[in-house]
């Protein structure tokens, strides 16, 4: 978490991934990894980890909120890449 707070997201991702290799059902690590991916703009990766955190711990409100924010942001990106309708 300290690495992520310092903006060293690549290093934080490596450590979160290592933690998940040791303990794959660690919902908090999935959430933290999702946050790091989201901060890098990798929303598909973020959404996958937030979703996994919720699958493992359905009542995990922080992961639910993070998932909603990532889905909203991904939706905005999808909308901006669509061509404008013809008049």
C-alpha atoms as a PDB file:
ATOM      1  CA  UNK A   1       0.000   0.000   0.000  1.00  0.00           C
ATOM      2  CA  UNK A   2       2.870   2.357   0.766  1.00  0.00           C
ATOM      3  CA  UNK A   3       4.228   1.929  -2.758  1.00  0.00           C
ATOM      4  CA  UNK A   4       0.837   2.712  -4.264  1.00  0.00           C
ATOM      5  CA  UNK A   5       0.518   5.806  -2.084  1.00  0.00           C
ATOM      6  CA  UNK A   6       3.928   6.963  -3.314  1.00  0.00           C
ATOM      7  CA  UNK A   7       2.771   6.547  -6.911  1.00  0.00           C
ATOM      8  CA  UNK A   8       5.007   3.521  -7.510  1.00  0.00           C
ATOM      9  CA  UNK A   9       2.129   1.646  -9.068  1.00  0.00           C
ATOM     10  CA  UNK A  10       4.157  -0.866 -11.091  1.00  0.00           C
ATOM     11  CA  UNK A  11       5.939  -2.002  -7.937  1.00  0.00           C
ATOM     12  CA  UNK A  12       2.696  -2.072  -5.962  1.00  0.00           C
ATOM     13  CA  UNK A  13       1.064  -4.205  -8.654  1.00  0.00           C
ATOM     14  CA  UNK A  14       3.963  -6.655  -8.485  1.00  0.00           C
ATOM     15  CA  UNK A  15       3.600  -7.003  -4.706  1.00  0.00           C
ATOM     16  CA  UNK A  16      -0.198  -7.300  -4.808  1.00  0.00           C
ATOM     17  CA  UNK A  17       0.139  -9.962  -7.520  1.00  0.00           C
ATOM     18  CA  UNK A  18       2.682 -11.832  -5.424  1.00  0.00           C
ATOM     19  CA  UNK A  19       0.348 -11.697  -2.420  1.00  0.00           C
ATOM     20  CA  UNK A  20      -2.421 -13.177  -4.570  1.00  0.00           C
ATOM     21  CA  UNK A  21      -0.139 -16.010  -5.709  1.00  0.00           C
ATOM     22  CA  UNK A  22       0.324 -16.898  -2.054  1.00  0.00           C
ATOM     23  CA  UNK A  23      -3.302 -16.296  -1.031  1.00  0.00           C
ATOM     24  CA  UNK A  24      -5.573 -16.190  -4.126  1.00  0.00           C
ATOM     25  CA  UNK A  25      -8.732 -15.628  -2.091  1.00  0.00           C
ATOM     26  CA  UNK A  26      -7.466 -12.430  -0.444  1.00  0.00           C
ATOM     27  CA  UNK A  27     -10.274 -10.031  -1.339  1.00  0.00           C
ATOM     28  CA  UNK A  28      -8.499  -6.943  -0.013  1.00  0.00           C
ATOM     29  CA  UNK A  29      -5.462  -7.618  -2.227  1.00  0.00           C
ATOM     30  CA  UNK A  30      -7.772  -7.941  -5.242  1.00  0.00           C
ATOM     31  CA  UNK A  31      -9.351  -4.609  -4.348  1.00  0.00           C
ATOM     32  CA  UNK A  32      -5.982  -2.911  -3.869  1.00  0.00           C
ATOM     33  CA  UNK A  33      -4.720  -4.355  -7.139  1.00  0.00           C
ATOM     34  CA  UNK A  34      -7.847  -3.074  -8.841  1.00  0.00           C
ATOM     35  CA  UNK A  35      -7.207   0.411  -7.476  1.00  0.00           C
ATOM     36  CA  UNK A  36      -3.645   0.364  -8.795  1.00  0.00           C
ATOM     37  CA  UNK A  37      -4.789  -0.790 -12.250  1.00  0.00           C
ATOM     38  CA  UNK A  38      -7.501   1.878 -12.293  1.00  0.00           C
ATOM     39  CA  UNK A  39      -4.972   4.584 -11.434  1.00  0.00           C
ATOM     40  CA  UNK A  40      -2.945   3.432 -14.442  1.00  0.00           C
ATOM     41  CA  UNK A  41      -6.064   3.652 -16.620  1.00  0.00           C
ATOM     42  CA  UNK A  42      -6.267  -0.126 -17.101  1.00  0.00           C
ATOM     43  CA  UNK A  43      -9.970  -0.338 -16.360  1.00  0.00           C
ATOM     44  CA  UNK A  44     -10.528  -3.871 -17.666  1.00  0.00           C
ATOM     45  CA  UNK A  45      -7.888  -5.176 -15.257  1.00  0.00           C
ATOM     46  CA  UNK A  46      -9.331  -3.059 -12.442  1.00  0.00           C
ATOM     47  CA  UNK A  47     -12.887  -4.258 -13.063  1.00  0.00           C
ATOM     48  CA  UNK A  48     -11.751  -7.885 -13.070  1.00  0.00           C
ATOM     49  CA  UNK A  49     -10.063  -7.512  -9.669  1.00  0.00           C
ATOM     50  CA  UNK A  50     -12.904  -5.536  -8.090  1.00  0.00           C
ATOM     51  CA  UNK A  51     -15.329  -8.197  -9.343  1.00  0.00           C
ATOM     52  CA  UNK A  52     -13.180 -10.972  -7.887  1.00  0.00           C
ATOM     53  CA  UNK A  53     -12.977  -9.169  -4.547  1.00  0.00           C
ATOM     54  CA  UNK A  54     -16.773  -9.010  -4.487  1.00  0.00           C
ATOM     55  CA  UNK A  55     -17.131 -12.638  -5.512  1.00  0.00           C
ATOM     56  CA  UNK A  56     -14.921 -13.592  -2.588  1.00  0.00           C
ATOM     57  CA  UNK A  57     -16.512 -11.137  -0.128  1.00  0.00           C
ATOM     58  CA  UNK A  58     -19.965 -10.033  -1.349  1.00  0.00           C
ATOM     59  CA  UNK A  59     -20.383  -7.451   1.409  1.00  0.00           C
ATOM     60  CA  UNK A  60     -17.087  -5.680   0.655  1.00  0.00           C
ATOM     61  CA  UNK A  61     -18.425  -2.127   0.259  1.00  0.00           C
ATOM     62  CA  UNK A  62     -15.131  -0.539  -0.739  1.00  0.00           C
ATOM     63  CA  UNK A  63     -14.738  -3.020  -3.606  1.00  0.00           C
ATOM     64  CA  UNK A  64     -18.371  -2.482  -4.637  1.00  0.00           C
ATOM     65  CA  UNK A  65     -17.845   1.285  -4.736  1.00  0.00           C
ATOM     66  CA  UNK A  66     -14.575   0.929  -6.645  1.00  0.00           C
ATOM     67  CA  UNK A  67     -16.241  -1.394  -9.145  1.00  0.00           C
ATOM     68  CA  UNK A  68     -19.069   1.084  -9.701  1.00  0.00           C
ATOM     69  CA  UNK A  69     -16.590   3.915 -10.292  1.00  0.00           C
ATOM     70  CA  UNK A  70     -14.508   1.825 -12.697  1.00  0.00           C
ATOM     71  CA  UNK A  71     -17.594   0.721 -14.631  1.00  0.00           C
ATOM     72  CA  UNK A  72     -18.774   4.320 -14.863  1.00  0.00           C
ATOM     73  CA  UNK A  73     -15.388   5.468 -16.126  1.00  0.00           C
ATOM     74  CA  UNK A  74     -15.218   2.605 -18.633  1.00  0.00           C
ATOM     75  CA  UNK A  75     -18.689   3.537 -19.862  1.00  0.00           C
ATOM     76  CA  UNK A  76     -17.569   7.123 -20.429  1.00  0.00           C
ATOM     77  CA  UNK A  77     -14.613   5.900 -22.465  1.00  0.00           C
ATOM     78  CA  UNK A  78     -16.850   3.612 -24.515  1.00  0.00           C
ATOM     79  CA  UNK A  79     -19.266   6.476 -25.197  1.00  0.00           C
ATOM     80  CA  UNK A  80     -16.493   8.825 -26.308  1.00  0.00           C
ATOM     81  CA  UNK A  81     -15.134   6.321 -28.826  1.00  0.00           C
ATOM     82  CA  UNK A  82     -18.479   5.839 -30.553  1.00  0.00           C
ATOM     83  CA  UNK A  83     -19.096   7.885 -33.660  1.00  0.00           C
ATOM     84  CA  UNK A  84     -21.633  10.646 -33.402  1.00  0.00           C
ATOM     85  CA  UNK A  85     -25.011   9.800 -34.943  1.00  0.00           C
ATOM     86  CA  UNK A  86     -25.695  11.271 -38.362  1.00  0.00           C
ATOM     87  CA  UNK A  87     -28.282  14.092 -38.410  1.00  0.00           C
END
